[in-house]
């Protein structure tokens, strides 16, 4: 999702903040995205897909996910992604 330059920048951020702080930042960004989505879906006349508040928070979450995903075992993460996608497809076909 990130360009090579963005990955380089994100690595600098990772090194500066450390794992625990990054995970706390991820939690915060996810909550902010949740609130922006909820606000848009319940009160806004702007499409959620063009709401700059939602898009901005989604960008923050994408960045934090990229940073934090490196903290976890890549093989286990990939396995869980495959499992969850397969489960979702199975639900569609049931």
N, C-alpha and C. Protein backbone atom coordinates (compact mmCIF):
# COMPACT_ATOMS: atom_id res chain seq x y z
N UNK A 1 0.82 -1.20 0.00
CA UNK A 1 0.00 0.00 0.00
C UNK A 1 0.87 1.26 0.00
N UNK A 2 2.00 1.23 0.71
CA UNK A 2 2.87 2.40 0.76
C UNK A 2 3.93 2.31 -0.33
N UNK A 3 4.33 3.46 -0.84
CA UNK A 3 5.42 3.51 -1.81
C UNK A 3 6.74 3.24 -1.07
N UNK A 4 7.81 2.91 -1.80
CA UNK A 4 9.10 2.70 -1.13
C UNK A 4 9.55 3.90 -0.29
N UNK A 5 9.32 5.10 -0.79
CA UNK A 5 9.69 6.30 -0.03
C UNK A 5 8.86 6.41 1.25
N UNK A 6 7.57 6.12 1.14
CA UNK A 6 6.70 6.17 2.33
C UNK A 6 7.10 5.09 3.34
N UNK A 7 7.52 3.92 2.84
CA UNK A 7 7.98 2.87 3.74
C UNK A 7 9.24 3.31 4.49
N UNK A 8 10.11 3.99 3.79
CA UNK A 8 11.33 4.51 4.42
C UNK A 8 10.98 5.52 5.50
N UNK A 9 10.06 6.41 5.19
CA UNK A 9 9.61 7.41 6.17
C UNK A 9 8.95 6.72 7.36
N UNK A 10 8.15 5.70 7.09
CA UNK A 10 7.45 5.02 8.18
C UNK A 10 8.44 4.29 9.09
N UNK A 11 9.53 3.78 8.52
CA UNK A 11 10.54 3.11 9.33
C UNK A 11 11.20 4.09 10.29
N UNK A 12 11.43 5.31 9.82
CA UNK A 12 12.00 6.35 10.69
C UNK A 12 11.06 6.64 11.86
N UNK A 13 9.77 6.69 11.57
CA UNK A 13 8.76 6.93 12.62
C UNK A 13 8.76 5.76 13.59
N UNK A 14 8.80 4.55 13.05
CA UNK A 14 8.82 3.35 13.88
C UNK A 14 10.00 3.38 14.85
N UNK A 15 11.17 3.69 14.34
CA UNK A 15 12.37 3.74 15.18
C UNK A 15 12.27 4.82 16.25
N UNK A 16 11.66 5.93 15.92
CA UNK A 16 11.58 7.05 16.87
C UNK A 16 10.60 6.78 18.01
N UNK A 17 9.49 6.11 17.72
CA UNK A 17 8.44 5.95 18.73
C UNK A 17 8.51 4.65 19.51
N UNK A 18 8.92 3.57 18.87
CA UNK A 18 8.95 2.27 19.55
C UNK A 18 7.62 1.55 19.48
N UNK A 19 7.66 0.26 19.76
CA UNK A 19 6.52 -0.62 19.56
C UNK A 19 5.31 -0.26 20.42
N UNK A 20 5.50 -0.07 21.71
CA UNK A 20 4.36 0.19 22.59
C UNK A 20 3.64 1.47 22.21
N UNK A 21 4.40 2.52 21.95
CA UNK A 21 3.79 3.79 21.55
C UNK A 21 3.05 3.66 20.23
N UNK A 22 3.62 2.91 19.29
CA UNK A 22 2.95 2.72 18.00
C UNK A 22 1.63 1.98 18.16
N UNK A 23 1.62 0.96 19.01
CA UNK A 23 0.37 0.23 19.23
C UNK A 23 -0.68 1.12 19.88
N UNK A 24 -0.27 1.95 20.81
CA UNK A 24 -1.21 2.91 21.41
C UNK A 24 -1.72 3.90 20.37
N UNK A 25 -0.84 4.34 19.47
CA UNK A 25 -1.25 5.26 18.41
C UNK A 25 -2.23 4.57 17.46
N UNK A 26 -2.01 3.28 17.18
CA UNK A 26 -2.93 2.53 16.32
C UNK A 26 -4.32 2.48 16.95
N UNK A 27 -4.38 2.20 18.24
CA UNK A 27 -5.67 2.17 18.95
C UNK A 27 -6.37 3.51 18.81
N UNK A 28 -5.62 4.58 19.04
CA UNK A 28 -6.20 5.93 18.95
C UNK A 28 -6.71 6.23 17.55
N UNK A 29 -5.92 5.90 16.53
CA UNK A 29 -6.34 6.17 15.15
C UNK A 29 -7.56 5.34 14.76
N UNK A 30 -7.63 4.10 15.22
CA UNK A 30 -8.81 3.27 14.94
C UNK A 30 -10.07 3.87 15.58
N UNK A 31 -9.92 4.37 16.79
CA UNK A 31 -11.08 5.00 17.45
C UNK A 31 -11.50 6.25 16.70
N UNK A 32 -10.54 7.04 16.23
CA UNK A 32 -10.88 8.26 15.49
C UNK A 32 -11.57 7.91 14.17
N UNK A 33 -11.13 6.86 13.50
CA UNK A 33 -11.80 6.42 12.28
C UNK A 33 -13.21 5.96 12.58
N UNK A 34 -13.37 5.21 13.64
CA UNK A 34 -14.69 4.74 14.04
C UNK A 34 -15.64 5.91 14.29
N UNK A 35 -15.15 6.91 15.01
CA UNK A 35 -15.99 8.09 15.29
C UNK A 35 -16.33 8.86 14.01
N UNK A 36 -15.35 9.02 13.12
CA UNK A 36 -15.60 9.74 11.86
C UNK A 36 -16.64 9.00 11.01
N UNK A 37 -16.51 7.67 10.95
CA UNK A 37 -17.48 6.88 10.20
C UNK A 37 -18.87 6.97 10.82
N UNK A 38 -18.93 6.85 12.13
CA UNK A 38 -20.22 6.93 12.81
C UNK A 38 -20.88 8.29 12.59
N UNK A 39 -20.10 9.33 12.73
CA UNK A 39 -20.63 10.68 12.53
C UNK A 39 -21.15 10.83 11.10
N UNK A 40 -20.38 10.37 10.13
CA UNK A 40 -20.81 10.49 8.75
C UNK A 40 -22.07 9.69 8.48
N UNK A 41 -22.09 8.46 8.94
CA UNK A 41 -23.22 7.58 8.63
C UNK A 41 -24.50 7.98 9.35
N UNK A 42 -24.40 8.70 10.45
CA UNK A 42 -25.59 9.07 11.20
C UNK A 42 -26.03 10.51 10.99
N UNK A 43 -25.12 11.39 10.56
CA UNK A 43 -25.48 12.81 10.51
C UNK A 43 -25.16 13.53 9.21
N UNK A 44 -24.31 12.95 8.39
CA UNK A 44 -23.79 13.70 7.25
C UNK A 44 -24.61 13.49 5.99
N UNK A 45 -24.65 14.53 5.19
CA UNK A 45 -25.27 14.42 3.87
C UNK A 45 -24.20 14.16 2.80
N UNK A 46 -22.93 14.14 3.23
CA UNK A 46 -21.81 13.87 2.32
C UNK A 46 -21.60 12.36 2.25
N UNK A 47 -21.35 11.84 1.06
CA UNK A 47 -21.06 10.42 0.90
C UNK A 47 -19.84 10.05 1.75
N UNK A 48 -19.94 8.92 2.42
CA UNK A 48 -18.82 8.46 3.26
C UNK A 48 -17.55 8.30 2.43
N UNK A 49 -17.70 8.02 1.14
CA UNK A 49 -16.56 7.77 0.27
C UNK A 49 -15.86 9.04 -0.20
N UNK A 50 -16.46 10.21 0.06
CA UNK A 50 -15.81 11.47 -0.30
C UNK A 50 -15.66 12.39 0.90
N UNK A 51 -16.00 11.92 2.09
CA UNK A 51 -15.88 12.71 3.31
C UNK A 51 -14.41 12.79 3.71
N UNK A 52 -13.84 13.99 3.65
CA UNK A 52 -12.41 14.16 3.92
C UNK A 52 -12.06 13.75 5.35
N UNK A 53 -12.97 13.89 6.29
CA UNK A 53 -12.71 13.46 7.67
C UNK A 53 -12.50 11.95 7.73
N UNK A 54 -13.36 11.22 7.04
CA UNK A 54 -13.24 9.75 7.01
C UNK A 54 -11.98 9.35 6.27
N UNK A 55 -11.73 9.96 5.13
CA UNK A 55 -10.55 9.62 4.33
C UNK A 55 -9.26 9.92 5.09
N UNK A 56 -9.23 11.04 5.79
CA UNK A 56 -8.05 11.41 6.57
C UNK A 56 -7.79 10.40 7.69
N UNK A 57 -8.84 10.01 8.39
CA UNK A 57 -8.67 9.03 9.47
C UNK A 57 -8.30 7.66 8.91
N UNK A 58 -8.87 7.30 7.77
CA UNK A 58 -8.52 6.03 7.13
C UNK A 58 -7.04 6.02 6.75
N UNK A 59 -6.54 7.15 6.24
CA UNK A 59 -5.12 7.25 5.89
C UNK A 59 -4.26 7.05 7.14
N UNK A 60 -4.66 7.66 8.26
CA UNK A 60 -3.92 7.48 9.51
C UNK A 60 -3.89 6.01 9.92
N UNK A 61 -5.03 5.34 9.82
CA UNK A 61 -5.10 3.93 10.20
C UNK A 61 -4.23 3.08 9.26
N UNK A 62 -4.27 3.37 7.96
CA UNK A 62 -3.45 2.62 7.01
C UNK A 62 -1.96 2.75 7.34
N UNK A 63 -1.55 3.96 7.65
CA UNK A 63 -0.14 4.19 8.02
C UNK A 63 0.21 3.41 9.28
N UNK A 64 -0.64 3.50 10.29
CA UNK A 64 -0.35 2.82 11.55
C UNK A 64 -0.38 1.30 11.38
N UNK A 65 -1.28 0.79 10.55
CA UNK A 65 -1.30 -0.65 10.29
C UNK A 65 -0.02 -1.11 9.61
N UNK A 66 0.45 -0.30 8.68
CA UNK A 66 1.71 -0.62 8.00
C UNK A 66 2.86 -0.66 9.00
N UNK A 67 2.90 0.34 9.86
CA UNK A 67 3.96 0.39 10.87
C UNK A 67 3.86 -0.77 11.86
N UNK A 68 2.67 -1.01 12.36
CA UNK A 68 2.49 -2.00 13.41
C UNK A 68 2.53 -3.44 12.90
N UNK A 69 2.19 -3.65 11.65
CA UNK A 69 2.19 -5.02 11.14
C UNK A 69 3.59 -5.63 11.18
N UNK A 70 4.62 -4.79 11.12
CA UNK A 70 5.99 -5.30 11.18
C UNK A 70 6.34 -5.82 12.58
N UNK A 71 5.52 -5.52 13.57
CA UNK A 71 5.77 -5.98 14.93
C UNK A 71 5.36 -7.45 15.12
N UNK A 72 4.53 -7.94 14.21
CA UNK A 72 3.95 -9.28 14.36
C UNK A 72 4.59 -10.26 13.39
N UNK A 73 4.47 -11.52 13.70
CA UNK A 73 4.98 -12.59 12.86
C UNK A 73 4.25 -12.55 11.51
N UNK A 74 4.99 -12.30 10.44
CA UNK A 74 4.39 -12.15 9.10
C UNK A 74 3.66 -13.42 8.66
N UNK A 75 4.21 -14.57 8.99
CA UNK A 75 3.59 -15.83 8.59
C UNK A 75 2.24 -16.02 9.28
N UNK A 76 2.20 -15.75 10.59
CA UNK A 76 0.93 -15.86 11.32
C UNK A 76 -0.09 -14.85 10.81
N UNK A 77 0.37 -13.65 10.54
CA UNK A 77 -0.53 -12.60 10.02
C UNK A 77 -1.10 -13.01 8.67
N UNK A 78 -0.24 -13.50 7.79
CA UNK A 78 -0.68 -13.94 6.47
C UNK A 78 -1.66 -15.10 6.58
N UNK A 79 -1.38 -16.01 7.48
CA UNK A 79 -2.27 -17.15 7.70
C UNK A 79 -3.65 -16.70 8.17
N UNK A 80 -3.70 -15.74 9.08
CA UNK A 80 -4.98 -15.24 9.58
C UNK A 80 -5.75 -14.48 8.50
N UNK A 81 -5.02 -13.73 7.67
CA UNK A 81 -5.68 -13.02 6.56
C UNK A 81 -6.32 -14.03 5.61
N UNK A 82 -5.58 -15.08 5.26
CA UNK A 82 -6.12 -16.12 4.37
C UNK A 82 -7.34 -16.80 4.99
N UNK A 83 -7.22 -17.13 6.28
CA UNK A 83 -8.33 -17.78 6.98
C UNK A 83 -9.58 -16.91 6.95
N UNK A 84 -9.42 -15.64 7.25
CA UNK A 84 -10.58 -14.75 7.35
C UNK A 84 -11.20 -14.48 5.98
N UNK A 85 -10.37 -14.37 4.94
CA UNK A 85 -10.92 -14.19 3.58
C UNK A 85 -11.67 -15.44 3.14
N UNK A 86 -11.10 -16.61 3.41
CA UNK A 86 -11.77 -17.86 3.05
C UNK A 86 -13.09 -18.00 3.80
N UNK A 87 -13.10 -17.68 5.09
CA UNK A 87 -14.33 -17.74 5.89
C UNK A 87 -15.39 -16.79 5.33
N UNK A 88 -14.97 -15.57 4.93
CA UNK A 88 -15.91 -14.62 4.34
C UNK A 88 -16.51 -15.14 3.04
N UNK A 89 -15.67 -15.75 2.20
CA UNK A 89 -16.17 -16.31 0.95
C UNK A 89 -17.11 -17.48 1.21
N UNK A 90 -16.78 -18.29 2.19
CA UNK A 90 -17.65 -19.44 2.53
C UNK A 90 -19.01 -18.95 3.00
N UNK A 91 -19.04 -17.86 3.74
CA UNK A 91 -20.32 -17.31 4.21
C UNK A 91 -21.16 -16.82 3.03
N UNK A 92 -20.48 -16.24 2.02
CA UNK A 92 -21.22 -15.79 0.84
C UNK A 92 -21.84 -16.95 0.08
N UNK A 93 -21.15 -18.08 0.09
CA UNK A 93 -21.60 -19.25 -0.68
C UNK A 93 -22.56 -20.15 0.08
N UNK A 94 -22.83 -19.84 1.35
CA UNK A 94 -23.74 -20.71 2.13
C UNK A 94 -25.18 -20.30 1.94
